[in-house]
Amino acid sequence: MFYCARMLKKSLRKPAIASFALFLFSFSSFSSEAGLPPLFDYEEDIGLKGKDTELRMLAPICEFSSDETSSHNLNAIRPLLSWEGDKSSYAFDVLWPLFAYRENNFEKYWRFILLYSGQKKFEDDPGKPGDSPHTGFIPLFFYGDDTNGDFYWSVFPVYGEVRDFLSYDSIYFILFPVYLKTKKGNAEGESYLWPILNWDESPKYKKFRFIPFYAYHERPDSFRRASYLWPFYHTAEYYSAKNGGSGWLLWPLVGKNKFQRLESWSFLWPFFSTHKRLPDEKGEDDGFGFTAPWPVLQYKRNVDRDEDNEEWKFYLWPIYGRSERKDSEYQFIMWPFGSSLHTFGDQGNVEWAWALPLYWSKHGADKNGKISEVYRHFWPFASYLSKADDFSEIRVLDIWIQRNMPAVDRNWTPLWTLFDYQRNGEAFRYDFLWGWIKYSDNRKEGESFSVFPFYNCEYDMRNVGSAVAEGEEKNAGVAAADTVVRDYFMGFVQTTNKGDSSSSLRLFWLVDFDF
């Protein structure tokens, strides 16, 4: 700053150099307090969620932020690359979703399009052979070590074995689909010319399929279902005391099911059906339903096979529909454009509402009725989120449809977010055009408001609490402030008002007047 002042003084007789010197001096003075948004913006003690210090450059392109409390760090050069981490996880992306690297307390892996590699982590000895490293190019080849340290490999569809993939412990094949063998927990399966000939067996169930001749699925304590000349003839038997019964279907002509007191008939399945709850010992008939035809007209009243499930249903699809269950209520108007779902249970209640494609919302509350979360999305214009931990956020625009995707929020969301408002406890900030218009309030440091390059105002509020305790009056938090500094035109004019009623004026970044 001293160098800029000397250069300004020496170049008064050279207009071009003088103008450039004035710009350098104003930049060095003003940017130290308010930055040069949206090209450059730096803030400390923000107090927002996961963000205490922030540096932004080139509007939303470059961002470097950190939070000492949670050890959270975010670094991004959007959309080229980003890396983010805290005490329990780390993420690194290059042109996401092209390349992604993830690491947490349980595993670490990387993925490049369909090529991936990763391994599980063990806290006692992360480097031991049992950490299950694996690599693959979906679906062509895989190789790695299982939890016992045994090596496996595969070249699809010729020959090989894949372990810990698609929820299976192992998948072994020879000239797929000629031969396939799978293992999942206590269940083992084997197939020839999959899916024509296949059987699976575990302590809880048995499955056999020889399409189209014969197939069955049996759980000894629950049911047995079988098909003959699939898909034309099916039978079923249910063994439970509550829902025991049997049924058959000659597809697509006619079928019948009978479960305890419930009897159902179907004709040209699934288009036409009738349901009736048979009279109990008192001779009362309390259930009836029909479909004519599906899915246009559906009506059910206490005819669900599981009496704890659907209680009532009426659909005149796609115009209007409503269903009621023990733990939920669902309805729609002009499906799929307007619909709502209300679920309730011991953990609390959740209400969803959709007016697709422009609006959807979520409203959650605990079992005592206390609000836990409110979310509203006016796609693609804006979204609103509020949580019970006193966190809220408003975004304009919000183009991405799906919620809670850290990779999108890290790599893409700031590029189209023109306005962002965040509140975290007593600290909040609203930001328009990546800092061009900005207001923030942090009770540790104070308030600030800026419209670059015309105006910047900072309120130092660190002694407001003590001033109020001593009985001093305050007007909107300003009168009790220690210092109020206002800059006009990048500090060309600056005024300072202090809590002791003293004031000062600075002109041309150099000349000071005290009052």
Protein backbone atom coordinates (compact mmCIF):
# COMPACT_ATOMS: atom_id res chain seq x y z
CA MET A 1 0.00 0.00 0.00
CA PHE A 2 2.91 2.38 0.79
CA TYR A 3 4.44 1.54 -2.60
CA CYS A 4 1.16 2.34 -4.39
CA ALA A 5 0.98 5.72 -2.61
CA ARG A 6 4.51 6.65 -3.72
CA MET A 7 3.76 5.61 -7.30
CA LEU A 8 0.60 7.72 -7.26
CA LYS A 9 2.51 10.80 -6.03
CA LYS A 10 5.26 10.49 -8.66
CA SER A 11 2.86 10.04 -11.58
CA LEU A 12 0.46 12.94 -11.09
CA ARG A 13 1.68 14.55 -14.35
CA LYS A 14 1.08 11.35 -16.36
CA PRO A 15 -2.70 10.75 -16.57
CA ALA A 16 -2.58 7.14 -17.81
CA ILE A 17 -0.07 6.02 -15.18
CA ALA A 18 -1.92 7.99 -12.51
CA SER A 19 -5.21 6.31 -13.36
CA PHE A 20 -3.60 2.88 -13.20
CA ALA A 21 -1.97 3.76 -9.86
CA LEU A 22 -5.34 4.89 -8.49
CA PHE A 23 -6.87 1.55 -9.51
CA LEU A 24 -4.06 -0.47 -7.89
CA PHE A 25 -4.30 1.52 -4.70
CA SER A 26 -8.10 1.25 -4.51
CA PHE A 27 -7.89 -2.48 -5.19
CA SER A 28 -5.30 -3.06 -2.46
CA SER A 29 -7.35 -1.03 0.01
CA PHE A 30 -10.86 -2.19 -0.79
CA SER A 31 -10.16 -5.84 -1.64
CA SER A 32 -8.55 -6.41 1.73
CA GLU A 33 -11.97 -5.85 3.31
CA ALA A 34 -14.59 -6.71 0.69
CA GLY A 35 -12.71 -8.51 -2.05
CA LEU A 36 -13.26 -7.97 -5.75
CA PRO A 37 -16.34 -10.12 -6.37
CA PRO A 38 -17.16 -12.02 -8.43
CA LEU A 39 -13.51 -12.24 -9.50
CA PHE A 40 -12.08 -12.52 -5.98
CA ASP A 41 -13.82 -12.85 -2.61
CA TYR A 42 -12.35 -13.88 0.75
CA GLU A 43 -14.17 -14.23 4.08
CA GLU A 44 -13.24 -15.40 7.58
CA ASP A 45 -15.35 -16.45 10.59
CA ILE A 46 -18.42 -17.10 8.42
CA GLY A 47 -19.91 -19.57 10.89
CA LEU A 48 -21.91 -21.50 8.26
CA LYS A 49 -22.36 -25.26 8.17
CA GLY A 50 -19.06 -26.88 7.22
CA LYS A 51 -17.62 -23.52 6.23
CA ASP A 52 -15.79 -21.04 8.48
CA THR A 53 -13.24 -19.60 6.02
CA GLU A 54 -13.88 -19.20 2.29
CA LEU A 55 -11.93 -18.01 -0.75
CA ARG A 56 -13.72 -17.73 -4.11
CA MET A 57 -12.17 -16.70 -7.43
CA LEU A 58 -13.59 -16.29 -10.92
CA ALA A 59 -17.18 -16.32 -9.64
CA PRO A 60 -18.08 -19.95 -8.80
CA ILE A 61 -15.15 -21.56 -10.66
CA CYS A 62 -12.60 -21.67 -7.81
CA GLU A 63 -13.54 -22.26 -4.20
CA PHE A 64 -11.35 -23.07 -1.19
CA SER A 65 -13.11 -23.28 2.17
CA SER A 66 -12.54 -24.90 5.56
CA ASP A 67 -14.09 -25.36 8.99
CA GLU A 68 -11.78 -25.98 11.94
CA THR A 69 -14.56 -27.35 14.18
CA SER A 70 -15.44 -30.27 11.89
CA SER A 71 -12.04 -30.43 10.12
CA HIS A 72 -13.97 -30.06 6.88
CA ASN A 73 -12.11 -28.79 3.79
CA LEU A 74 -13.41 -28.12 0.28
CA ASN A 75 -11.26 -27.27 -2.74
CA ALA A 76 -12.77 -26.99 -6.20
CA ILE A 77 -11.89 -25.76 -9.69
CA ARG A 78 -15.29 -26.35 -11.24
CA PRO A 79 -16.18 -28.38 -13.13
CA LEU A 80 -12.67 -29.69 -13.78
CA LEU A 81 -11.78 -31.12 -10.36
CA SER A 82 -12.57 -30.97 -6.66
CA TRP A 83 -11.46 -32.57 -3.41
CA GLU A 84 -13.30 -32.54 -0.08
CA GLY A 85 -12.70 -34.20 3.26
CA ASP A 86 -13.20 -34.27 7.00
CA LYS A 87 -12.25 -36.57 9.88
CA SER A 88 -14.11 -39.61 8.50
CA SER A 89 -14.21 -39.29 4.70
CA TYR A 90 -12.42 -37.93 1.62
CA ALA A 91 -13.62 -37.40 -1.96
CA PHE A 92 -11.72 -36.43 -5.11
CA ASP A 93 -13.38 -35.85 -8.51
CA VAL A 94 -12.18 -35.04 -12.02
CA LEU A 95 -14.93 -33.93 -14.40
CA TRP A 96 -17.45 -35.80 -12.27
CA PRO A 97 -18.95 -38.27 -13.06
CA LEU A 98 -16.03 -39.15 -15.35
CA PHE A 99 -13.61 -39.93 -12.48
CA ALA A 100 -14.25 -40.27 -8.74
CA TYR A 101 -12.17 -41.34 -5.74
CA ARG A 102 -13.74 -42.04 -2.34
CA GLU A 103 -12.32 -43.02 1.04
CA ASN A 104 -14.03 -43.49 4.41
CA ASN A 105 -13.62 -45.54 7.58
CA PHE A 106 -14.75 -48.74 5.82
CA GLU A 107 -13.34 -48.71 2.29
CA LYS A 108 -11.59 -46.74 -0.41
CA TYR A 109 -12.09 -46.95 -4.16
CA TRP A 110 -11.76 -45.10 -7.45
CA ARG A 111 -13.84 -45.23 -10.63
CA PHE A 112 -13.08 -44.04 -14.16
CA ILE A 113 -16.19 -44.45 -16.34
CA LEU A 114 -16.67 -48.27 -16.10
CA LEU A 115 -13.15 -48.99 -14.82
CA TYR A 116 -12.90 -49.16 -11.04
CA SER A 117 -10.64 -50.31 -8.21
CA GLY A 118 -11.05 -50.39 -4.45
CA GLN A 119 -10.56 -52.21 -1.20
CA LYS A 120 -12.10 -52.58 2.23
CA LYS A 121 -10.33 -51.15 5.28
CA PHE A 122 -9.75 -52.74 8.65
CA GLU A 123 -9.00 -50.49 11.60
CA ASP A 124 -6.79 -53.05 13.38
CA ASP A 125 -4.44 -53.58 10.41
CA PRO A 126 -5.40 -51.80 7.16
CA GLY A 127 -2.52 -53.37 5.25
CA LYS A 128 -3.17 -57.04 5.93
CA PRO A 129 -4.12 -59.37 3.02
CA GLY A 130 -7.75 -59.49 4.14
CA ASP A 131 -8.48 -55.90 3.05
CA SER A 132 -10.09 -57.30 -0.15
CA PRO A 133 -8.55 -55.23 -2.98
CA HIS A 134 -10.55 -55.49 -6.21
CA THR A 135 -10.34 -54.05 -9.72
CA GLY A 136 -12.60 -54.36 -12.72
CA PHE A 137 -13.89 -53.03 -16.01
CA ILE A 138 -17.64 -53.59 -15.94
CA PRO A 139 -18.61 -56.11 -17.18
CA LEU A 140 -15.56 -57.37 -19.08
CA PHE A 141 -12.98 -58.28 -16.45
CA PHE A 142 -12.43 -58.40 -12.67
CA TYR A 143 -9.63 -59.41 -10.33
CA GLY A 144 -8.78 -59.07 -6.65
CA ASP A 145 -8.35 -60.77 -3.26
CA ASP A 146 -11.23 -61.89 -1.06
CA THR A 147 -11.41 -61.50 2.74
CA ASN A 148 -9.27 -64.64 3.16
CA GLY A 149 -6.55 -63.29 0.88
CA ASP A 150 -7.38 -65.70 -1.96
CA PHE A 151 -6.93 -64.36 -5.49
CA TYR A 152 -9.78 -64.37 -8.04
CA TRP A 153 -10.21 -63.16 -11.63
CA SER A 154 -12.67 -63.25 -14.51
CA VAL A 155 -12.92 -62.42 -18.22
CA PHE A 156 -16.59 -62.10 -19.10
CA PRO A 157 -18.28 -64.05 -20.64
CA VAL A 158 -15.50 -66.64 -21.15
CA TYR A 159 -14.46 -67.78 -17.68
CA GLY A 160 -13.84 -66.55 -14.17
CA GLU A 161 -15.07 -65.69 -10.71
CA VAL A 162 -16.13 -62.41 -9.16
CA ARG A 163 -16.44 -61.96 -5.38
CA ASP A 164 -18.27 -59.39 -3.27
CA PHE A 165 -20.13 -58.05 -6.31
CA LEU A 166 -23.83 -57.10 -6.80
CA SER A 167 -24.58 -58.23 -3.21
CA TYR A 168 -23.23 -61.75 -3.98
CA ASP A 169 -20.33 -63.27 -2.09
CA SER A 170 -19.16 -64.95 -5.31
CA ILE A 171 -20.26 -65.36 -8.94
CA TYR A 172 -18.55 -68.13 -10.97
CA PHE A 173 -19.22 -68.69 -14.69
CA ILE A 174 -18.01 -70.65 -17.73
CA LEU A 175 -19.04 -69.37 -21.16
CA PHE A 176 -21.94 -67.43 -19.62
CA PRO A 177 -24.84 -68.17 -19.93
CA VAL A 178 -23.79 -71.81 -20.39
CA TYR A 179 -22.86 -72.25 -16.70
CA LEU A 180 -23.29 -70.00 -13.66
CA LYS A 181 -22.79 -70.61 -9.94
CA THR A 182 -23.51 -68.10 -7.18
CA LYS A 183 -23.14 -67.82 -3.41
CA LYS A 184 -24.88 -65.29 -1.20
CA GLY A 185 -24.63 -65.85 2.53
CA ASN A 186 -25.97 -69.34 3.26
CA ALA A 187 -27.64 -69.56 -0.18
CA GLU A 188 -26.04 -71.29 -3.16
CA GLY A 189 -27.31 -71.35 -6.73
CA GLU A 190 -26.41 -73.09 -9.98
CA SER A 191 -27.61 -72.45 -13.56
CA TYR A 192 -27.24 -74.05 -16.99
CA LEU A 193 -28.14 -71.93 -20.00
CA TRP A 194 -29.28 -69.22 -17.61
CA PRO A 195 -32.12 -68.50 -17.01
CA ILE A 196 -33.57 -71.73 -18.45
CA LEU A 197 -32.31 -74.26 -15.87
CA ASN A 198 -31.57 -72.97 -12.38
CA TRP A 199 -31.81 -73.97 -8.72
CA ASP A 200 -31.05 -72.12 -5.47
CA GLU A 201 -30.99 -73.52 -1.95
CA SER A 202 -30.49 -72.17 1.56
CA PRO A 203 -31.61 -73.19 5.06
CA LYS A 204 -34.70 -70.95 4.61
CA TYR A 205 -35.83 -71.60 1.03
CA LYS A 206 -35.53 -73.68 -2.14
CA LYS A 207 -35.94 -72.58 -5.76
CA PHE A 208 -35.99 -74.59 -8.98
CA ARG A 209 -36.66 -73.44 -12.55
CA PHE A 210 -36.75 -75.33 -15.85
CA ILE A 211 -38.38 -72.84 -18.18
CA PRO A 212 -41.02 -73.20 -19.52
CA PHE A 213 -41.88 -76.63 -18.13
CA TYR A 214 -41.73 -76.39 -14.36
CA ALA A 215 -40.62 -74.03 -11.58
CA TYR A 216 -41.18 -73.65 -7.84
CA HIS A 217 -40.22 -71.43 -4.91
CA GLU A 218 -40.66 -72.90 -1.44
CA ARG A 219 -40.22 -71.57 2.08
CA PRO A 220 -41.16 -74.43 4.42
CA ASP A 221 -42.63 -72.18 7.13
CA SER A 222 -44.37 -69.74 4.78
CA PHE A 223 -45.44 -70.76 1.25
CA ARG A 224 -44.91 -72.88 -1.87
CA ARG A 225 -45.47 -71.44 -5.34
CA ALA A 226 -45.20 -73.44 -8.58
CA SER A 227 -45.56 -72.87 -12.34
CA TYR A 228 -46.34 -75.39 -15.08
CA LEU A 229 -45.74 -74.54 -18.73
CA TRP A 230 -44.89 -70.99 -17.66
CA PRO A 231 -46.56 -68.55 -17.92
CA PHE A 232 -49.86 -70.40 -18.40
CA TYR A 233 -50.57 -72.25 -15.16
CA HIS A 234 -49.58 -71.34 -11.56
CA THR A 235 -50.42 -72.68 -8.11
CA ALA A 236 -49.71 -71.38 -4.61
CA GLU A 237 -50.08 -72.62 -1.02
CA TYR A 238 -49.57 -70.46 2.08
CA TYR A 239 -48.91 -72.06 5.47
CA SER A 240 -48.98 -69.27 8.03
CA ALA A 241 -51.71 -69.37 10.66
CA LYS A 242 -52.70 -65.78 9.92
CA ASN A 243 -52.68 -65.87 6.12
CA GLY A 244 -52.91 -69.56 5.25
CA GLY A 245 -54.62 -70.48 1.97
CA SER A 246 -54.15 -71.52 -1.64
CA GLY A 247 -54.66 -70.30 -5.18
CA TRP A 248 -54.33 -71.06 -8.86
CA LEU A 249 -54.15 -69.10 -12.12
CA LEU A 250 -54.82 -70.26 -15.69
CA TRP A 251 -53.29 -67.28 -17.43
CA PRO A 252 -54.71 -65.12 -18.86
CA LEU A 253 -58.24 -66.53 -18.55
CA VAL A 254 -59.14 -67.08 -14.91
CA GLY A 255 -57.65 -67.51 -11.43
CA LYS A 256 -58.71 -67.89 -7.81
CA ASN A 257 -57.10 -67.24 -4.40
CA LYS A 258 -58.45 -67.99 -0.95
CA PHE A 259 -56.66 -66.86 2.22
CA GLN A 260 -58.52 -67.51 5.46
CA ARG A 261 -61.63 -65.33 5.03
CA LEU A 262 -60.47 -63.59 1.83
CA GLU A 263 -61.55 -64.87 -1.60
CA SER A 264 -60.39 -63.36 -4.90
CA TRP A 265 -61.16 -64.09 -8.54
CA SER A 266 -59.32 -62.72 -11.59
CA PHE A 267 -60.39 -62.67 -15.24
CA LEU A 268 -58.05 -61.78 -18.09
CA TRP A 269 -55.44 -61.01 -15.39
CA PRO A 270 -54.51 -58.34 -14.46
CA PHE A 271 -57.38 -56.37 -15.99
CA PHE A 272 -60.42 -57.69 -14.09
CA SER A 273 -60.68 -59.04 -10.52
CA THR A 274 -63.03 -59.27 -7.54
CA HIS A 275 -62.18 -59.52 -3.83
CA LYS A 276 -64.46 -60.47 -0.96
CA ARG A 277 -63.92 -61.01 2.73
CA LEU A 278 -66.08 -63.96 3.75
CA PRO A 279 -68.45 -63.70 6.75
CA ASP A 280 -66.91 -64.34 10.16
CA GLU A 281 -68.45 -66.42 12.94
CA LYS A 282 -70.96 -63.63 13.52
CA GLY A 283 -71.99 -63.65 9.86
CA GLU A 284 -70.53 -60.18 9.17
CA ASP A 285 -69.03 -59.38 5.78
CA ASP A 286 -66.69 -56.40 6.18
CA GLY A 287 -64.62 -56.33 2.98
CA PHE A 288 -65.10 -55.98 -0.77
CA GLY A 289 -63.09 -54.91 -3.82
CA PHE A 290 -62.87 -55.05 -7.62
CA THR A 291 -60.77 -53.98 -10.59
CA ALA A 292 -62.57 -53.22 -13.87
CA PRO A 293 -60.33 -52.78 -15.75
CA TRP A 294 -56.88 -52.43 -14.21
CA PRO A 295 -55.39 -49.87 -13.81
CA VAL A 296 -58.28 -47.50 -14.59
CA LEU A 297 -60.88 -48.41 -11.95
CA GLN A 298 -59.82 -49.99 -8.65
CA TYR A 299 -61.70 -50.23 -5.37
CA LYS A 300 -60.79 -52.13 -2.18
CA ARG A 301 -62.12 -52.03 1.37
CA ASN A 302 -60.49 -54.32 3.96
CA VAL A 303 -59.58 -57.01 1.44
CA ASP A 304 -55.79 -56.94 1.60
CA ARG A 305 -54.35 -60.38 2.37
CA ASP A 306 -52.22 -58.81 5.09
CA GLU A 307 -54.81 -57.15 7.35
CA ASP A 308 -52.12 -54.79 8.71
CA ASN A 309 -51.54 -53.40 5.23
CA GLU A 310 -54.04 -51.71 2.87
CA GLU A 311 -57.39 -50.77 4.48
CA TRP A 312 -59.05 -48.75 1.72
CA LYS A 313 -58.32 -47.88 -1.93
CA PHE A 314 -60.11 -46.09 -4.76
CA TYR A 315 -58.46 -45.30 -8.11
CA LEU A 316 -60.05 -43.67 -11.12
CA TRP A 317 -56.76 -43.60 -12.95
CA PRO A 318 -55.22 -41.26 -14.02
CA ILE A 319 -57.75 -38.66 -12.79
CA TYR A 320 -57.90 -39.33 -9.05
CA GLY A 321 -56.87 -41.98 -6.54
CA ARG A 322 -56.45 -42.54 -2.81
CA SER A 323 -55.30 -45.43 -0.62
CA GLU A 324 -55.05 -45.80 3.15
CA ARG A 325 -52.81 -48.21 5.04
CA LYS A 326 -52.03 -48.77 8.70
CA ASP A 327 -48.90 -46.60 8.43
CA SER A 328 -49.44 -44.42 5.34
CA GLU A 329 -51.86 -42.50 3.14
CA TYR A 330 -51.37 -41.90 -0.58
CA GLN A 331 -53.37 -39.93 -3.13
CA PHE A 332 -52.97 -38.50 -6.63
CA ILE A 333 -54.70 -36.10 -8.99
CA MET A 334 -53.96 -36.38 -12.73
CA TRP A 335 -51.20 -38.95 -12.17
CA PRO A 336 -48.23 -38.56 -12.34
CA PHE A 337 -48.42 -34.78 -12.08
CA GLY A 338 -50.03 -34.32 -8.64
CA SER A 339 -49.61 -36.74 -5.72
CA SER A 340 -48.89 -36.89 -2.00
CA LEU A 341 -47.71 -39.49 0.51
CA HIS A 342 -48.02 -39.34 4.29
CA THR A 343 -46.20 -41.95 6.37
CA PHE A 344 -46.39 -42.22 10.16
CA GLY A 345 -44.89 -44.49 12.79
CA ASP A 346 -42.92 -44.67 16.02
CA GLN A 347 -40.04 -42.63 14.55
CA GLY A 348 -42.26 -39.76 13.39
CA ASN A 349 -44.30 -38.56 10.44
CA VAL A 350 -43.21 -37.61 6.92
CA GLU A 351 -45.33 -35.86 4.29
CA TRP A 352 -44.32 -35.79 0.63
CA ALA A 353 -46.11 -33.76 -2.06
CA TRP A 354 -45.46 -33.61 -5.82
CA ALA A 355 -46.75 -31.31 -8.57
CA LEU A 356 -44.46 -32.63 -11.29
CA PRO A 357 -42.33 -31.45 -12.90
CA LEU A 358 -42.36 -28.05 -11.20
CA TYR A 359 -42.72 -28.72 -7.46
CA TRP A 360 -42.14 -31.31 -4.75
CA SER A 361 -41.73 -31.08 -0.99
CA LYS A 362 -40.94 -33.03 2.17
CA HIS A 363 -42.17 -32.23 5.68
CA GLY A 364 -40.82 -34.35 8.55
CA ALA A 365 -41.68 -34.35 12.26
CA ASP A 366 -40.74 -36.57 15.21
CA LYS A 367 -43.26 -38.57 17.22
CA ASN A 368 -43.90 -35.55 19.46
CA GLY A 369 -44.79 -33.34 16.48
CA LYS A 370 -41.57 -31.31 16.52
CA ILE A 371 -40.46 -30.36 13.00
CA SER A 372 -37.30 -32.22 11.96
CA GLU A 373 -37.01 -31.17 8.30
CA VAL A 374 -38.80 -29.06 5.69
CA TYR A 375 -37.78 -29.19 2.04
CA ARG A 376 -39.41 -27.52 -0.97
CA HIS A 377 -38.17 -27.53 -4.55
CA PHE A 378 -39.65 -25.24 -7.22
CA TRP A 379 -37.77 -26.83 -10.11
CA PRO A 380 -35.64 -25.50 -11.69
CA PHE A 381 -36.04 -22.07 -10.11
CA ALA A 382 -35.47 -22.41 -6.37
CA SER A 383 -35.26 -24.77 -3.39
CA TYR A 384 -35.71 -24.31 0.35
CA LEU A 385 -34.34 -26.53 3.14
CA SER A 386 -34.76 -26.21 6.90
CA LYS A 387 -33.60 -28.67 9.57
CA ALA A 388 -34.17 -29.08 13.28
CA ASP A 389 -30.52 -28.25 14.05
CA ASP A 390 -31.29 -24.59 13.14
CA PHE A 391 -29.89 -24.86 9.63
CA SER A 392 -31.70 -23.46 6.58
CA GLU A 393 -30.81 -22.70 2.97
CA ILE A 394 -32.41 -21.15 -0.11
CA ARG A 395 -30.98 -21.69 -3.60
CA VAL A 396 -31.84 -19.88 -6.83
CA LEU A 397 -31.46 -21.58 -9.38
CA ASP A 398 -31.54 -25.26 -8.38
CA ILE A 399 -31.43 -27.32 -11.56
CA TRP A 400 -30.46 -30.77 -10.23
CA ILE A 401 -33.55 -32.83 -9.42
CA GLN A 402 -32.17 -35.26 -6.83
CA ARG A 403 -31.40 -34.19 -3.25
CA ASN A 404 -28.41 -34.97 -1.05
CA MET A 405 -25.82 -35.61 -3.76
CA PRO A 406 -22.50 -34.27 -2.40
CA ALA A 407 -20.72 -34.83 -5.73
CA VAL A 408 -23.21 -32.60 -7.56
CA ASP A 409 -23.16 -29.94 -4.82
CA ARG A 410 -19.36 -29.95 -4.89
CA ASN A 411 -18.77 -29.91 -8.66
CA TRP A 412 -21.81 -28.41 -10.37
CA THR A 413 -24.39 -26.73 -8.11
CA PRO A 414 -22.47 -23.44 -7.52
CA LEU A 415 -22.17 -22.92 -11.29
CA TRP A 416 -25.91 -22.34 -11.68
CA THR A 417 -26.74 -21.00 -8.19
CA LEU A 418 -27.29 -17.28 -8.74
CA PHE A 419 -28.58 -16.59 -5.20
CA ASP A 420 -27.78 -18.50 -2.04
CA TYR A 421 -29.03 -17.93 1.51
CA GLN A 422 -27.74 -19.96 4.47
CA ARG A 423 -28.43 -19.78 8.18
CA ASN A 424 -26.59 -21.84 10.77
CA GLY A 425 -27.63 -20.93 14.32
CA GLU A 426 -27.08 -17.20 14.76
CA ALA A 427 -24.87 -16.87 11.68
CA PHE A 428 -26.38 -16.31 8.26
CA ARG A 429 -25.43 -15.01 4.82
CA TYR A 430 -27.16 -14.25 1.56
CA ASP A 431 -25.14 -14.06 -1.61
CA PHE A 432 -26.20 -12.89 -5.10
CA LEU A 433 -24.11 -13.50 -8.23
CA TRP A 434 -21.23 -15.08 -6.29
CA GLY A 435 -20.59 -12.18 -3.95
CA TRP A 436 -21.53 -9.20 -6.09
CA ILE A 437 -24.32 -8.41 -3.59
CA LYS A 438 -23.72 -9.95 -0.18
CA TYR A 439 -24.94 -9.66 3.39
CA SER A 440 -23.65 -11.66 6.34
CA ASP A 441 -24.18 -11.64 10.09
CA ASN A 442 -21.90 -13.44 12.49
CA ARG A 443 -22.22 -12.53 16.18
CA LYS A 444 -18.51 -13.23 16.68
CA GLU A 445 -17.38 -10.51 14.28
CA GLY A 446 -20.42 -8.47 13.25
CA GLU A 447 -22.46 -7.67 10.17
CA SER A 448 -21.44 -6.68 6.67
CA PHE A 449 -23.22 -5.66 3.49
CA SER A 450 -21.69 -4.91 0.10
CA VAL A 451 -22.69 -4.10 -3.46
CA PHE A 452 -19.46 -4.21 -5.39
CA PRO A 453 -17.92 -1.82 -6.37
CA PHE A 454 -20.31 0.88 -5.18
CA TYR A 455 -20.82 0.27 -1.47
CA ASN A 456 -19.49 -1.79 1.44
CA CYS A 457 -20.53 -1.54 5.09
CA GLU A 458 -19.18 -3.45 8.09
CA TYR A 459 -20.60 -3.49 11.63
CA ASP A 460 -18.22 -4.63 14.37
CA MET A 461 -20.57 -6.21 16.95
CA ARG A 462 -18.09 -7.84 19.31
CA ASN A 463 -18.94 -5.57 22.27
CA VAL A 464 -22.69 -5.28 21.66
CA GLY A 465 -23.52 -7.70 24.45
CA SER A 466 -21.54 -5.79 27.05
CA ALA A 467 -22.95 -2.48 25.86
CA VAL A 468 -26.52 -3.66 26.15
CA ALA A 469 -25.81 -5.16 29.55
CA GLU A 470 -24.71 -1.72 30.71
CA GLY A 471 -28.06 -0.26 29.66
CA GLU A 472 -27.03 1.41 26.40
CA GLU A 473 -29.72 1.65 23.75
CA LYS A 474 -29.16 0.19 20.31
CA ASN A 475 -30.95 0.81 17.08
CA ALA A 476 -31.13 -2.35 14.94
CA GLY A 477 -27.77 -3.41 16.28
CA VAL A 478 -25.94 -0.36 14.93
CA ALA A 479 -25.88 2.19 17.77
CA ALA A 480 -24.28 -0.29 20.14
CA ALA A 481 -21.67 -1.42 17.63
CA ASP A 482 -18.02 -0.73 18.31
CA THR A 483 -17.32 0.45 14.79
CA VAL A 484 -19.32 1.03 11.60
CA VAL A 485 -17.18 1.42 8.46
CA ARG A 486 -18.72 2.40 5.14
CA ASP A 487 -16.80 2.40 1.84
CA TYR A 488 -18.07 4.03 -1.34
CA PHE A 489 -16.66 3.28 -4.79
CA MET A 490 -13.97 0.84 -3.62
CA GLY A 491 -12.93 3.05 -0.71
CA PHE A 492 -12.72 6.29 -2.66
CA VAL A 493 -14.82 7.70 0.19
CA GLN A 494 -14.81 6.00 3.60
CA THR A 495 -16.67 6.92 6.79
CA THR A 496 -16.09 5.43 10.25
CA ASN A 497 -18.48 5.77 13.18
CA LYS A 498 -17.42 4.42 16.58
CA GLY A 499 -19.41 3.49 19.65
CA ASP A 500 -17.97 6.44 21.59
CA SER A 501 -19.74 8.78 19.10
CA SER A 502 -16.50 9.74 17.35
CA SER A 503 -16.41 9.71 13.54
CA SER A 504 -13.88 10.02 10.76
CA LEU A 505 -13.90 10.62 7.02
CA ARG A 506 -11.28 9.43 4.52
CA LEU A 507 -11.06 10.79 0.97
CA PHE A 508 -8.96 9.48 -1.91
CA TRP A 509 -7.72 6.64 0.37
CA LEU A 510 -5.21 9.10 1.93
CA VAL A 511 -6.79 12.17 3.53
CA ASP A 512 -8.40 11.68 6.98
CA PHE A 513 -10.75 14.01 8.88
CA ASP A 514 -11.82 13.29 12.49
CA PHE A 515 -15.02 14.58 14.14
